[in-house]
C-alpha cells in the first residue's frame, strides 16, 4: 500500500457556519523555533479533548514504549512516564492507531499528545480507532519536517508549547483563516468560462475576529489579487472597531474584468489595526484560482505544473455505495463539451486492481430557491461509463474518457459525479481549501453534493465546505480534437509519471498511430508516428519537461482521441 494518509470515515455533514475559535499550536521556547505550526487535531474527527475548550502550556517531551525503533511509536506501555507526566508527549506516527498512542501517554500522565508524521507531506486527519472513547487529552499531528526541526530541542528539554484555543492569550489579536475569506466559486476555470464579467467574477471580502482582550480600533482589510505575480487588483476596506470576542465582515468591490487572461490568480488578504498585533501569524490569508487554457474545471486544487491535488479519502460512515459530485454551470458552456473526468481513489487494506468506479454527468433541472435544494429532476447524459483499475494505483489521478463527448448548454446546471461501490474504498479529497464564505455568497449554487445510494438520500453540503472532492472535469480539447472523437476508453498509467507511460487501447490495433504531445501553453513538444500491433502502447516521456501535457492520438482511420498526463521530475 502507498504512504498512508489517514483515511477518515465521516458522517454526512450539512454546511455549517465558521467557528470563531482560534485553535493554534505555538512553540513558545526556544526563541529560534518560536511561532505557530501547521497541524491537524483529533477532535475534528470526533474524539479526544475538544480543541475549542482547551488551552495548555507545557514543556514537550518524547514518550518511549521500549520498542526497538529509535522513534518511539507509543504502541506499547510507556517506559518513561516520569518524563512526560504533566507535559505534552511527543511520539511518531506508525504501526498502531492514533487513539492507542493517545491512551498510552495519557495513562502515563501526559496532558496532550503531539504525533509527528512519518511520511513526507502535510499532517493528515486522524481517524478515531478502537480506543477513542478512552482518550480525554488533546491530540494533534505535525509534519515530518516540523518534527525534524523540533526533535533535538525536544530531546534536550528546551521546547515549551501552547496548544488549544488562544482566545484571550494576547491583548491585541485580530485574525482570519481560510474558512473566513471569499474567493472564486471554483479553483480551475477554463478560459472559455471567463470571457467577461457576465461569465465570471469574484466576490472579495473577509470575516475578521477579535481574539484578544482589548477592543480593536480602526481594523482594516486590504485585498490584493495577482496573476502569476502581476498585480491586477488592490483595494482596502473602510475601518471598523471590533469589540472583544466579536467579529466583522469586511466587503470590498468584486473583482471583474471584461476579459480574463490565463494564469494562476492569488488573493491575499491582510488585516491591520491601530494597535500592534501580538499574534500576527493569522493576519494574512490567501485564496487562489486558475483560469486555464487546458479545458480543466474543478472545485479542488489543480496545480498548473503538477496537476490535480488530493490526499486523504472520505466516505459516508454507513452504506457501501455513494456518489460524490461537483456542480458545473456557465453562461458560456456551449463553447465546450465534456470529454471525461479525472479522479483518484484509495483503500484501507486492499489493492485497487480490478475495482471499478462509475463516472456520470447529469443535467440538473431542480430549481434552487431560497437555499432549498433538491435532486429529484436529474437527467443522466452518460450511459454506463466505468473506469476499471488496471493496477493498484492508490491515490494516483486517473482519467476516464467518455465514449462520446457530452454537449453542454449555456446556463444549464450539471453534476459531474464519481460513484464508489466498494466498502473501505475512498474518493480522494483536497483538504487545503474551504468554501465556507463562497457557499454563503453563492446561495443558489451547490458545490459538491453527496448521494448516499444505500440510504437513498442526497446531502447538498457534502462532507462540509473544507472537504473538496478531487474531481476534475475535462472539457472540449484545446486543439479541437473532440470533433473526431472515437469511442475509446484510453486511460494511460502511471499518471503522473517520470519516464514512461503505458496506453491501453481497449483491443488490438493494427496500423499507424500518430502521437502529438502539447505542453501547457499549446506548443507541440513531441510528435511520433508509431506502428501499432498490440493492445498497449508504451511511450518514453523522459525528454518532456515537468508539467501537464496533452496527448493527441490519431489513428489510420482518421479518428482521434486525447488525454492529459502529468510529467514530474
Protein backbone atom coordinates (compact mmCIF):
# COMPACT_ATOMS: atom_id res chain seq x y z
CA UNK A 1 0.00 0.00 0.00
CA UNK A 2 1.14 3.57 -0.62
CA UNK A 3 2.23 6.07 2.05
CA UNK A 4 -0.60 6.05 4.31
CA UNK A 5 -2.60 9.06 4.56
CA UNK A 6 -5.07 8.70 7.40
CA UNK A 7 -8.34 7.75 5.80
CA UNK A 8 -11.23 9.42 7.54
CA UNK A 9 -14.62 7.77 7.74
CA UNK A 10 -17.05 10.60 8.32
CA UNK A 11 -20.70 11.14 8.97
CA UNK A 12 -22.64 13.14 6.47
CA UNK A 13 -22.44 16.83 7.22
CA UNK A 14 -24.52 19.79 6.24
CA UNK A 15 -22.94 23.16 5.63
CA UNK A 16 -22.25 24.96 8.91
CA UNK A 17 -21.07 28.38 9.87
CA UNK A 18 -17.42 29.05 10.53
CA UNK A 19 -16.32 28.70 14.14
CA UNK A 20 -14.73 31.76 15.68
CA UNK A 21 -12.36 29.86 17.97
CA UNK A 22 -8.69 30.31 17.19
CA UNK A 23 -7.04 26.92 17.60
CA UNK A 24 -3.26 27.00 17.40
CA UNK A 25 -0.10 25.07 18.12
CA UNK A 26 2.54 27.54 19.27
CA UNK A 27 6.15 26.85 20.14
CA UNK A 28 7.00 29.50 22.75
CA UNK A 29 10.53 28.36 23.58
CA UNK A 30 13.28 28.27 22.35
CA UNK A 31 13.21 31.62 20.55
CA UNK A 32 14.75 30.29 17.33
CA UNK A 33 11.85 27.83 16.89
CA UNK A 34 9.07 30.04 18.25
CA UNK A 35 5.93 30.50 16.19
CA UNK A 36 2.80 28.72 15.04
CA UNK A 37 2.93 25.34 13.31
CA UNK A 38 0.55 23.70 10.87
CA UNK A 39 -1.32 20.78 12.43
CA UNK A 40 -4.41 18.59 12.40
CA UNK A 41 -6.31 17.60 15.53
CA UNK A 42 -8.37 14.62 16.63
CA UNK A 43 -11.46 16.46 17.86
CA UNK A 44 -12.19 17.48 14.27
CA UNK A 45 -12.88 13.77 13.79
CA UNK A 46 -14.95 13.47 16.95
CA UNK A 47 -12.52 12.11 19.54
CA UNK A 48 -10.07 13.40 22.14
CA UNK A 49 -10.40 16.68 24.02
CA UNK A 50 -12.29 19.43 22.21
CA UNK A 51 -9.63 21.83 20.97
CA UNK A 52 -12.10 24.71 21.23
CA UNK A 53 -12.13 24.33 25.01
CA UNK A 54 -8.50 23.62 25.95
CA UNK A 55 -5.57 25.98 26.47
CA UNK A 56 -2.45 24.11 27.55
CA UNK A 57 1.03 25.50 28.10
CA UNK A 58 3.61 22.84 28.98
CA UNK A 59 7.08 21.50 28.13
CA UNK A 60 7.29 18.88 25.38
CA UNK A 61 8.98 15.52 25.90
CA UNK A 62 9.32 12.31 23.91
CA UNK A 63 7.46 9.26 25.21
CA UNK A 64 9.12 5.85 24.77
CA UNK A 65 7.50 2.45 24.78
CA UNK A 66 10.61 0.28 24.77
CA UNK A 67 10.24 -0.78 21.15
CA UNK A 68 13.31 -1.38 19.03
CA UNK A 69 12.68 1.66 16.85
CA UNK A 70 14.55 4.84 17.73
CA UNK A 71 11.48 6.97 17.01
CA UNK A 72 9.03 5.82 19.64
CA UNK A 73 5.58 4.94 18.32
CA UNK A 74 3.94 4.62 21.78
CA UNK A 75 2.09 1.50 20.71
CA UNK A 76 3.10 -0.26 23.94
CA UNK A 77 3.31 0.63 27.61
CA UNK A 78 5.30 3.83 28.20
CA UNK A 79 8.61 3.12 29.97
CA UNK A 80 9.48 6.74 30.88
CA UNK A 81 6.26 8.03 32.49
CA UNK A 82 8.20 10.34 34.80
CA UNK A 83 9.50 12.24 31.74
CA UNK A 84 6.06 13.02 30.31
CA UNK A 85 3.97 13.45 33.46
CA UNK A 86 2.33 16.88 33.25
CA UNK A 87 3.90 17.53 29.85
CA UNK A 88 2.97 17.42 26.18
CA UNK A 89 4.08 13.99 25.00
CA UNK A 90 5.63 13.61 21.55
CA UNK A 91 5.64 10.37 19.53
CA UNK A 92 5.80 9.28 15.89
CA UNK A 93 3.05 8.05 13.61
CA UNK A 94 3.04 4.38 12.59
CA UNK A 95 2.18 0.75 13.45
CA UNK A 96 -0.92 1.30 15.62
CA UNK A 97 -3.95 3.57 15.63
CA UNK A 98 -3.80 7.12 16.90
CA UNK A 99 -6.14 6.59 19.84
CA UNK A 100 -3.95 3.78 21.26
CA UNK A 101 -0.93 6.10 21.25
CA UNK A 102 -3.00 8.78 22.96
CA UNK A 103 -4.36 6.44 25.62
CA UNK A 104 -0.89 5.14 26.43
CA UNK A 105 0.64 8.58 27.01
CA UNK A 106 -2.48 9.80 28.81
CA UNK A 107 -2.22 6.86 31.22
CA UNK A 108 1.35 7.95 31.94
CA UNK A 109 0.33 11.48 32.90
CA UNK A 110 0.72 13.43 29.64
CA UNK A 111 -1.60 16.43 29.29
CA UNK A 112 -1.58 16.37 25.47
CA UNK A 113 -0.07 14.42 22.58
CA UNK A 114 1.80 15.64 19.51
CA UNK A 115 2.23 12.99 16.79
CA UNK A 116 4.95 13.56 14.20
CA UNK A 117 4.03 12.36 10.72
CA UNK A 118 6.27 9.55 9.49
CA UNK A 119 5.88 10.28 5.77
CA UNK A 120 6.60 13.42 3.73
CA UNK A 121 3.83 15.94 3.34
CA UNK A 122 1.35 17.82 5.46
CA UNK A 123 -0.15 16.36 8.64
CA UNK A 124 -3.27 14.32 8.00
CA UNK A 125 -6.64 13.76 9.62
CA UNK A 126 -6.69 11.19 12.41
CA UNK A 127 -9.40 8.54 12.49
CA UNK A 128 -10.77 7.55 15.88
CA UNK A 129 -9.63 3.94 16.22
CA UNK A 130 -10.56 1.41 18.89
CA UNK A 131 -9.56 3.39 21.99
CA UNK A 132 -11.09 6.77 21.16
CA UNK A 133 -13.62 6.70 23.99
CA UNK A 134 -10.78 6.34 26.50
CA UNK A 135 -8.92 9.44 25.29
CA UNK A 136 -9.58 12.72 27.11
CA UNK A 137 -6.48 14.74 26.19
CA UNK A 138 -5.97 16.83 23.02
CA UNK A 139 -4.19 15.03 20.18
CA UNK A 140 -2.54 16.81 17.25
CA UNK A 141 -0.28 15.89 14.34
CA UNK A 142 2.54 17.92 12.78
CA UNK A 143 4.51 17.28 9.60
CA UNK A 144 7.68 15.20 9.42
CA UNK A 145 9.73 18.30 8.55
CA UNK A 146 8.43 20.29 11.52
CA UNK A 147 9.07 17.27 13.71
CA UNK A 148 12.64 17.05 12.45
CA UNK A 149 13.27 20.74 13.17
CA UNK A 150 11.96 20.38 16.75
CA UNK A 151 13.44 16.97 17.56
CA UNK A 152 16.81 17.92 19.05
CA UNK A 153 15.35 20.71 21.16
CA UNK A 154 12.59 18.43 22.47
CA UNK A 155 15.19 15.83 23.41
CA UNK A 156 17.20 18.47 25.26
CA UNK A 157 14.09 19.58 27.16
CA UNK A 158 14.08 23.15 25.87
CA UNK A 159 10.73 23.20 23.99
CA UNK A 160 7.66 24.76 25.56
CA UNK A 161 4.37 24.65 23.64
CA UNK A 162 0.94 26.21 23.78
CA UNK A 163 -1.84 24.04 22.43
CA UNK A 164 -5.52 24.86 22.04
CA UNK A 165 -7.76 27.92 21.82
CA UNK A 166 -5.64 31.04 22.23
CA UNK A 167 -8.59 33.43 22.58
CA UNK A 168 -7.59 35.85 25.32
CA UNK A 169 -3.95 34.80 25.33
CA UNK A 170 -2.95 38.21 23.90
CA UNK A 171 -4.37 41.71 24.37
CA UNK A 172 -4.26 42.64 20.67
CA UNK A 173 -5.04 39.77 18.35
CA UNK A 174 -7.13 40.00 15.18
CA UNK A 175 -7.31 37.05 12.84
CA UNK A 176 -8.84 35.42 9.79
CA UNK A 177 -8.41 31.98 8.22
CA UNK A 178 -9.33 30.15 5.03
CA UNK A 179 -12.95 29.48 6.11
CA UNK A 180 -13.36 33.23 6.70
CA UNK A 181 -12.34 34.63 3.30
CA UNK A 182 -14.14 34.98 -0.02
CA UNK A 183 -12.80 33.85 -3.37
CA UNK A 184 -13.80 32.25 -6.66
CA UNK A 185 -16.57 29.65 -6.77
CA UNK A 186 -14.21 27.14 -8.42
CA UNK A 187 -10.46 26.55 -8.46
CA UNK A 188 -9.80 25.56 -12.07
CA UNK A 189 -11.84 27.59 -14.55
CA UNK A 190 -11.44 27.10 -18.31
CA UNK A 191 -10.78 30.37 -20.09
CA UNK A 192 -13.93 29.79 -22.18
CA UNK A 193 -15.93 30.27 -18.95
CA UNK A 194 -14.22 33.58 -18.11
CA UNK A 195 -14.69 35.69 -21.23
CA UNK A 196 -16.25 38.66 -19.42
CA UNK A 197 -17.60 39.83 -16.08
CA UNK A 198 -21.02 38.45 -17.03
CA UNK A 199 -19.45 34.99 -17.31
CA UNK A 200 -17.26 35.15 -14.23
CA UNK A 201 -16.48 37.44 -11.30
CA UNK A 202 -15.01 37.02 -7.83
CA UNK A 203 -16.55 38.34 -4.59
CA UNK A 204 -13.95 39.88 -2.28
CA UNK A 205 -14.37 40.10 1.49
CA UNK A 206 -13.35 38.54 4.80
CA UNK A 207 -14.57 37.84 8.31
CA UNK A 208 -12.20 39.26 10.91
CA UNK A 209 -12.33 38.05 14.53
CA UNK A 210 -11.06 39.77 17.65
CA UNK A 211 -9.38 37.01 19.66
CA UNK A 212 -7.68 39.45 22.05
CA UNK A 213 -8.52 41.08 25.37
CA UNK A 214 -8.76 44.64 24.02
CA UNK A 215 -11.07 46.29 21.52
CA UNK A 216 -9.54 46.51 18.04
CA UNK A 217 -9.64 50.07 16.74
CA UNK A 218 -9.74 51.05 13.08
CA UNK A 219 -9.40 47.49 11.76
CA UNK A 220 -8.78 47.41 8.01
CA UNK A 221 -8.66 44.67 5.39
CA UNK A 222 -6.60 45.04 2.22
CA UNK A 223 -7.07 42.59 -0.65
CA UNK A 224 -4.50 42.26 -3.41
CA UNK A 225 -5.01 39.95 -6.40
CA UNK A 226 -2.10 39.00 -8.59
CA UNK A 227 -1.97 36.91 -11.76
CA UNK A 228 1.30 34.99 -11.95
CA UNK A 229 2.93 37.76 -9.91
CA UNK A 230 1.36 40.72 -11.75
CA UNK A 231 -1.00 42.80 -9.61
CA UNK A 232 -4.49 43.13 -11.11
CA UNK A 233 -6.50 44.31 -8.06
CA UNK A 234 -5.75 46.29 -4.88
CA UNK A 235 -8.50 47.54 -2.57
CA UNK A 236 -8.69 48.49 1.11
CA UNK A 237 -11.85 48.47 3.21
CA UNK A 238 -13.19 51.21 5.42
CA UNK A 239 -12.05 50.99 9.06
CA UNK A 240 -14.12 49.48 11.85
CA UNK A 241 -13.79 48.91 15.59
CA UNK A 242 -14.25 45.30 16.72
CA UNK A 243 -15.13 44.67 20.40
CA UNK A 244 -13.54 41.85 22.38
CA UNK A 245 -14.93 38.47 21.31
CA UNK A 246 -16.76 39.95 18.34
CA UNK A 247 -16.26 39.82 14.58
CA UNK A 248 -16.99 41.87 11.46
CA UNK A 249 -17.34 41.08 7.78
CA UNK A 250 -15.45 43.47 5.51
CA UNK A 251 -16.88 43.73 2.00
CA UNK A 252 -14.67 45.01 -0.81
CA UNK A 253 -15.50 45.64 -4.50
CA UNK A 254 -15.81 42.44 -6.52
CA UNK A 255 -13.06 41.55 -8.94
CA UNK A 256 -14.39 41.66 -12.51
CA UNK A 257 -12.77 42.04 -15.92
CA UNK A 258 -14.12 42.42 -19.44
CA UNK A 259 -11.69 39.67 -20.42
CA UNK A 260 -9.56 37.49 -18.15
CA UNK A 261 -6.08 36.37 -19.07
CA UNK A 262 -4.99 32.82 -18.38
CA UNK A 263 -2.92 32.34 -15.25
CA UNK A 264 -2.85 31.48 -11.56
CA UNK A 265 -4.61 34.18 -9.55
CA UNK A 266 -3.89 34.63 -5.83
CA UNK A 267 -6.00 36.77 -3.49
CA UNK A 268 -4.02 37.95 -0.45
CA UNK A 269 -5.98 39.41 2.46
CA UNK A 270 -4.04 41.44 5.03
CA UNK A 271 -5.50 42.66 8.35
CA UNK A 272 -4.21 45.64 10.33
CA UNK A 273 -5.44 47.78 13.22
CA UNK A 274 -4.14 50.80 15.13
CA UNK A 275 -2.52 48.63 17.83
CA UNK A 276 0.35 46.23 17.12
CA UNK A 277 -1.00 42.70 16.78
CA UNK A 278 0.75 40.37 19.23
CA UNK A 279 -0.05 37.26 17.17
CA UNK A 280 0.45 38.28 13.53
CA UNK A 281 0.51 34.72 12.17
CA UNK A 282 -3.19 34.93 11.29
CA UNK A 283 -3.18 38.45 9.83
CA UNK A 284 -2.69 37.20 6.27
CA UNK A 285 -4.92 34.70 4.46
CA UNK A 286 -4.88 33.66 0.81
CA UNK A 287 -7.13 32.03 -1.77
CA UNK A 288 -6.31 31.07 -5.35
CA UNK A 289 -7.97 30.15 -8.64
CA UNK A 290 -6.58 29.15 -12.03
CA UNK A 291 -8.01 30.40 -15.32
CA UNK A 292 -6.61 27.90 -17.77
CA UNK A 293 -6.48 27.02 -21.43
CA UNK A 294 -6.28 23.30 -20.63
CA UNK A 295 -10.02 22.74 -20.56
CA UNK A 296 -9.98 21.87 -16.86
CA UNK A 297 -12.80 22.64 -14.42
CA UNK A 298 -12.70 21.75 -10.74
CA UNK A 299 -13.59 22.84 -7.24
CA UNK A 300 -10.41 21.18 -5.91
CA UNK A 301 -6.87 22.43 -6.43
CA UNK A 302 -5.18 21.77 -9.76
CA UNK A 303 -1.54 22.81 -9.78
CA UNK A 304 -0.70 24.31 -13.20
CA UNK A 305 2.54 22.30 -13.26
CA UNK A 306 1.95 19.06 -11.34
CA UNK A 307 -1.79 18.63 -11.87
CA UNK A 308 -4.67 17.72 -9.53
CA UNK A 309 -4.19 17.76 -5.75
CA UNK A 310 -5.73 15.17 -3.44
CA UNK A 311 -4.76 13.43 -0.24
CA UNK A 312 -6.95 11.80 2.36
CA UNK A 313 -10.03 9.84 1.44
CA UNK A 314 -13.50 10.24 2.85
CA UNK A 315 -16.84 8.41 2.56
CA UNK A 316 -20.17 8.08 4.40
CA UNK A 317 -19.98 6.25 7.72
CA UNK A 318 -22.88 3.98 6.78
CA UNK A 319 -23.55 2.26 3.48
CA UNK A 320 -21.29 0.93 0.76
CA UNK A 321 -22.34 2.78 -2.39
CA UNK A 322 -22.07 6.53 -2.64
CA UNK A 323 -21.84 9.13 -5.37
CA UNK A 324 -19.93 12.40 -4.99
CA UNK A 325 -20.40 15.24 -7.46
CA UNK A 326 -19.28 18.72 -8.34
CA UNK A 327 -21.65 21.29 -9.81
CA UNK A 328 -20.93 22.96 -13.14
CA UNK A 329 -22.76 25.89 -14.71
CA UNK A 330 -21.62 28.58 -17.13
CA UNK A 331 -23.27 31.14 -19.37
CA UNK A 332 -20.69 30.14 -21.98
CA UNK A 333 -20.89 26.35 -21.58
CA UNK A 334 -21.71 25.79 -25.27
CA UNK A 335 -18.14 26.78 -26.11
CA UNK A 336 -17.06 23.43 -24.65
CA UNK A 337 -18.03 19.78 -24.48
CA UNK A 338 -17.37 17.43 -21.60
CA UNK A 339 -14.83 14.75 -22.55
CA UNK A 340 -14.20 12.92 -19.29
CA UNK A 341 -13.44 13.04 -15.58
CA UNK A 342 -10.16 12.82 -13.67
CA UNK A 343 -10.19 11.48 -10.11
CA UNK A 344 -8.25 9.41 -7.56
CA UNK A 345 -9.24 6.76 -5.03
CA UNK A 346 -7.55 4.86 -2.23
CA UNK A 347 -8.32 1.98 0.09
CA UNK A 348 -7.59 0.91 3.64
CA UNK A 349 -6.05 -2.50 3.14
CA UNK A 350 -6.68 -4.00 -0.31
CA UNK A 351 -5.42 -3.30 -3.85
CA UNK A 352 -7.43 -1.30 -6.36
CA UNK A 353 -6.68 -3.72 -9.18
CA UNK A 354 -9.96 -4.79 -10.78
CA UNK A 355 -12.08 -2.27 -8.86
CA UNK A 356 -14.49 -0.10 -10.86
CA UNK A 357 -15.65 3.50 -10.47
CA UNK A 358 -18.66 4.81 -12.38
CA UNK A 359 -18.38 8.30 -13.88
CA UNK A 360 -21.58 10.15 -14.68
CA UNK A 361 -22.82 13.52 -15.89
CA UNK A 362 -26.33 14.72 -15.06
CA UNK A 363 -28.42 17.56 -16.37
CA UNK A 364 -29.70 19.01 -13.10
CA UNK A 365 -33.11 20.62 -13.56
CA UNK A 366 -34.30 21.13 -9.98
CA UNK A 367 -34.84 24.82 -9.18
CA UNK A 368 -32.91 26.25 -6.25
CA UNK A 369 -34.99 28.82 -4.42
CA UNK A 370 -34.22 30.43 -1.09
CA UNK A 371 -31.44 27.97 -0.41
CA UNK A 372 -33.78 24.96 -0.77
CA UNK A 373 -32.03 22.26 -2.77
CA UNK A 374 -33.41 19.04 -4.24
CA UNK A 375 -32.18 16.37 -6.65
CA UNK A 376 -35.46 15.00 -7.98
CA UNK A 377 -35.11 16.11 -11.61
CA UNK A 378 -31.82 14.64 -12.82
CA UNK A 379 -31.32 13.58 -16.42
CA UNK A 380 -28.27 11.36 -16.87
CA UNK A 381 -26.34 12.24 -20.04
CA UNK A 382 -23.88 9.34 -19.84
CA UNK A 383 -24.55 5.62 -20.12
CA UNK A 384 -22.69 3.02 -18.02
CA UNK A 385 -19.32 4.77 -18.09
CA UNK A 386 -16.84 2.91 -15.86
CA UNK A 387 -13.16 3.21 -15.10
CA UNK A 388 -11.67 -0.24 -14.35
CA UNK A 389 -8.41 -0.13 -12.45
CA UNK A 390 -5.69 -2.00 -14.39
CA UNK A 391 -3.36 -1.99 -11.36
CA UNK A 392 -3.11 -0.78 -7.78
CA UNK A 393 -2.99 2.97 -8.48
CA UNK A 394 -3.53 4.08 -4.88
CA UNK A 395 -4.22 7.83 -4.67
CA UNK A 396 -2.96 8.35 -8.23
CA UNK A 397 -5.04 10.50 -10.53
CA UNK A 398 -6.54 8.66 -13.48
CA UNK A 399 -8.80 9.89 -16.27
CA UNK A 400 -11.85 8.22 -17.74
CA UNK A 401 -12.69 9.43 -21.24
CA UNK A 402 -16.37 9.13 -22.16
CA UNK A 403 -17.39 7.08 -25.17
CA UNK A 404 -18.93 10.25 -26.60
CA UNK A 405 -18.44 13.88 -25.59
CA UNK A 406 -21.27 15.41 -23.56
CA UNK A 407 -22.58 18.54 -25.22
CA UNK A 408 -23.34 21.39 -22.79
CA UNK A 409 -25.89 24.23 -22.84
CA UNK A 410 -25.42 27.80 -21.69
CA UNK A 411 -26.80 28.45 -18.21
CA UNK A 412 -27.77 24.82 -17.57
CA UNK A 413 -26.80 23.25 -14.23
CA UNK A 414 -24.83 19.97 -14.40
CA UNK A 415 -23.41 17.48 -11.94
CA UNK A 416 -20.20 15.59 -12.72
CA UNK A 417 -20.01 12.57 -10.42
CA UNK A 418 -17.94 9.58 -9.36
CA UNK A 419 -19.64 6.55 -7.78
CA UNK A 420 -17.87 4.17 -5.39
CA UNK A 421 -19.33 0.67 -4.99
CA UNK A 422 -16.87 -0.96 -2.59
CA UNK A 423 -16.77 -0.65 1.19
CA UNK A 424 -13.48 0.81 2.52
CA UNK A 425 -12.78 2.47 -0.83
CA UNK A 426 -12.49 6.24 -0.70
CA UNK A 427 -12.57 9.11 -3.16
CA UNK A 428 -9.58 11.40 -2.74
CA UNK A 429 -10.23 14.86 -1.30
CA UNK A 430 -8.48 18.21 -1.26
CA UNK A 431 -8.50 19.40 2.35
CA UNK A 432 -6.47 22.53 1.62
CA UNK A 433 -9.44 24.69 0.58
CA UNK A 434 -12.54 25.93 2.35
CA UNK A 435 -15.59 27.32 0.51
CA UNK A 436 -17.48 28.47 3.60
CA UNK A 437 -17.78 32.16 2.69
CA UNK A 438 -18.24 31.38 -1.01
CA UNK A 439 -21.05 28.97 -0.17
CA UNK A 440 -22.80 31.74 1.75
CA UNK A 441 -22.25 34.17 -1.15
CA UNK A 442 -23.40 31.83 -3.94
CA UNK A 443 -26.67 30.87 -2.25
CA UNK A 444 -28.05 29.38 -5.47
CA UNK A 445 -25.14 27.04 -6.15
CA UNK A 446 -24.35 23.69 -4.56
CA UNK A 447 -20.68 22.97 -4.80
CA UNK A 448 -20.16 19.26 -4.12
CA UNK A 449 -23.25 17.26 -3.06
CA UNK A 450 -23.03 13.63 -1.89
CA UNK A 451 -25.55 10.92 -2.77
CA UNK A 452 -25.72 8.10 -0.23
CA UNK A 453 -27.07 5.48 -2.61
CA UNK A 454 -27.70 2.83 0.05
CA UNK A 455 -29.62 5.36 2.13
CA UNK A 456 -31.35 6.89 -0.91
CA UNK A 457 -30.52 10.40 0.29
CA UNK A 458 -28.71 13.44 -1.12
CA UNK A 459 -26.69 15.77 1.09
CA UNK A 460 -26.26 19.17 -0.61
CA UNK A 461 -23.38 20.21 1.65
CA UNK A 462 -21.41 17.03 1.10
CA UNK A 463 -18.88 16.47 3.86
CA UNK A 464 -18.54 20.19 4.62
CA UNK A 465 -17.03 23.17 2.87
CA UNK A 466 -13.48 22.07 3.75
CA UNK A 467 -13.57 18.58 2.20
CA UNK A 468 -13.46 19.07 -1.55
CA UNK A 469 -13.78 16.04 -3.85
CA UNK A 470 -10.70 15.83 -6.06
CA UNK A 471 -12.78 15.57 -9.23
CA UNK A 472 -11.57 17.37 -12.35
CA UNK A 473 -13.82 17.79 -15.38
CA UNK A 474 -12.04 17.58 -18.76
CA UNK A 475 -13.71 19.87 -21.26
CA UNK A 476 -13.52 20.07 -25.05
CA UNK A 477 -9.88 19.74 -26.10
CA UNK A 478 -7.95 22.96 -26.62
CA UNK A 479 -6.88 21.77 -30.07
CA UNK A 480 -10.31 20.92 -31.50
CA UNK A 481 -9.78 17.16 -31.37
CA UNK A 482 -13.18 16.41 -29.88
CA UNK A 483 -14.88 16.61 -33.28
CA UNK A 484 -13.34 13.29 -34.39
CA UNK A 485 -13.54 11.66 -31.00
CA UNK A 486 -13.72 7.85 -31.18
CA UNK A 487 -15.40 5.66 -28.54
CA UNK A 488 -12.17 4.54 -26.89
CA UNK A 489 -11.66 4.37 -23.14
CA UNK A 490 -7.99 5.31 -23.13
CA UNK A 491 -6.50 5.91 -19.70
CA UNK A 492 -2.70 5.96 -19.53
CA UNK A 493 -0.78 4.84 -16.48
CA UNK A 494 1.03 5.70 -14.35
CA UNK A 495 -0.23 9.26 -14.27
CA UNK A 496 1.69 11.29 -13.06
CA UNK A 497 4.84 9.68 -14.47
CA UNK A 498 8.56 10.38 -14.61
CA UNK A 499 9.75 8.26 -17.54
CA UNK A 500 7.26 6.02 -19.41
CA UNK A 501 3.51 5.77 -19.83
CA UNK A 502 1.51 2.75 -20.93
CA UNK A 503 -1.60 3.43 -23.01
CA UNK A 504 -4.19 0.60 -23.09
CA UNK A 505 -6.01 0.67 -26.44
CA UNK A 506 -9.06 -1.34 -25.43
CA UNK A 507 -8.23 -4.00 -28.02
CA UNK A 508 -5.57 -4.89 -30.57
CA UNK A 509 -4.99 -2.08 -33.07
CA UNK A 510 -3.02 -2.73 -36.26
CA UNK A 511 -1.63 0.23 -38.13
CA UNK A 512 -0.02 3.58 -37.66
CA UNK A 513 -0.75 5.83 -34.70
CA UNK A 514 0.34 9.48 -34.80
CA UNK A 515 1.16 10.79 -31.33
CA UNK A 516 1.31 14.56 -30.86
CA UNK A 517 2.13 15.97 -27.43
CA UNK A 518 1.44 19.58 -26.42
CA UNK A 519 2.67 21.46 -23.37
CA UNK A 520 0.53 23.67 -21.12
CA UNK A 521 0.95 26.64 -23.49
CA UNK A 522 -0.28 24.68 -26.51
CA UNK A 523 3.15 24.26 -28.12
CA UNK A 524 3.89 20.88 -29.68
CA UNK A 525 6.80 19.27 -27.84
CA UNK A 526 6.76 15.74 -29.24
CA UNK A 527 5.47 14.14 -32.44
CA UNK A 528 5.91 10.49 -33.38
CA UNK A 529 4.39 8.05 -35.86
CA UNK A 530 4.28 4.53 -34.45
CA UNK A 531 3.39 1.20 -35.98
CA UNK A 532 0.96 -0.35 -33.52
CA UNK A 533 0.30 -4.11 -33.45
CA UNK A 534 -0.85 -4.76 -29.91
CA UNK A 535 -3.41 -3.65 -27.34
CA UNK A 536 -0.95 -1.41 -25.47
CA UNK A 537 1.24 1.49 -26.49
CA UNK A 538 4.32 2.40 -24.42
CA UNK A 539 5.83 5.88 -24.74
CA UNK A 540 9.09 7.31 -23.45
CA UNK A 541 8.45 10.75 -21.91
CA UNK A 542 11.81 11.28 -20.21
CA UNK A 543 12.63 14.20 -22.52
CA UNK A 544 9.45 16.09 -21.63
CA UNK A 545 9.64 18.92 -19.10
CA UNK A 546 7.74 18.75 -15.83
CA UNK A 547 4.12 19.79 -16.10
CA UNK A 548 0.79 18.85 -17.65
CA UNK A 549 0.85 17.66 -21.26
CA UNK A 550 -1.97 16.88 -23.69
CA UNK A 551 -1.53 13.75 -25.85
CA UNK A 552 -3.43 13.56 -29.14
CA UNK A 553 -3.59 10.12 -30.80
CA UNK A 554 -4.70 9.91 -34.44
CA UNK A 555 -5.37 6.50 -35.99
CA UNK A 556 -5.23 5.31 -39.60
CA UNK A 557 -9.00 5.72 -40.00
CA UNK A 558 -8.56 9.41 -39.03
CA UNK A 559 -10.36 9.03 -35.71
CA UNK A 560 -8.59 10.59 -32.76
CA UNK A 561 -8.66 10.87 -29.01
CA UNK A 562 -6.79 12.76 -26.34
CA UNK A 563 -5.84 12.62 -22.71
CA UNK A 564 -3.68 14.54 -20.28
CA UNK A 565 -0.59 13.30 -18.48
CA UNK A 566 1.40 15.00 -15.74
CA UNK A 567 5.17 14.56 -16.05
CA UNK A 568 7.23 15.01 -12.88
CA UNK A 569 11.00 15.10 -12.45
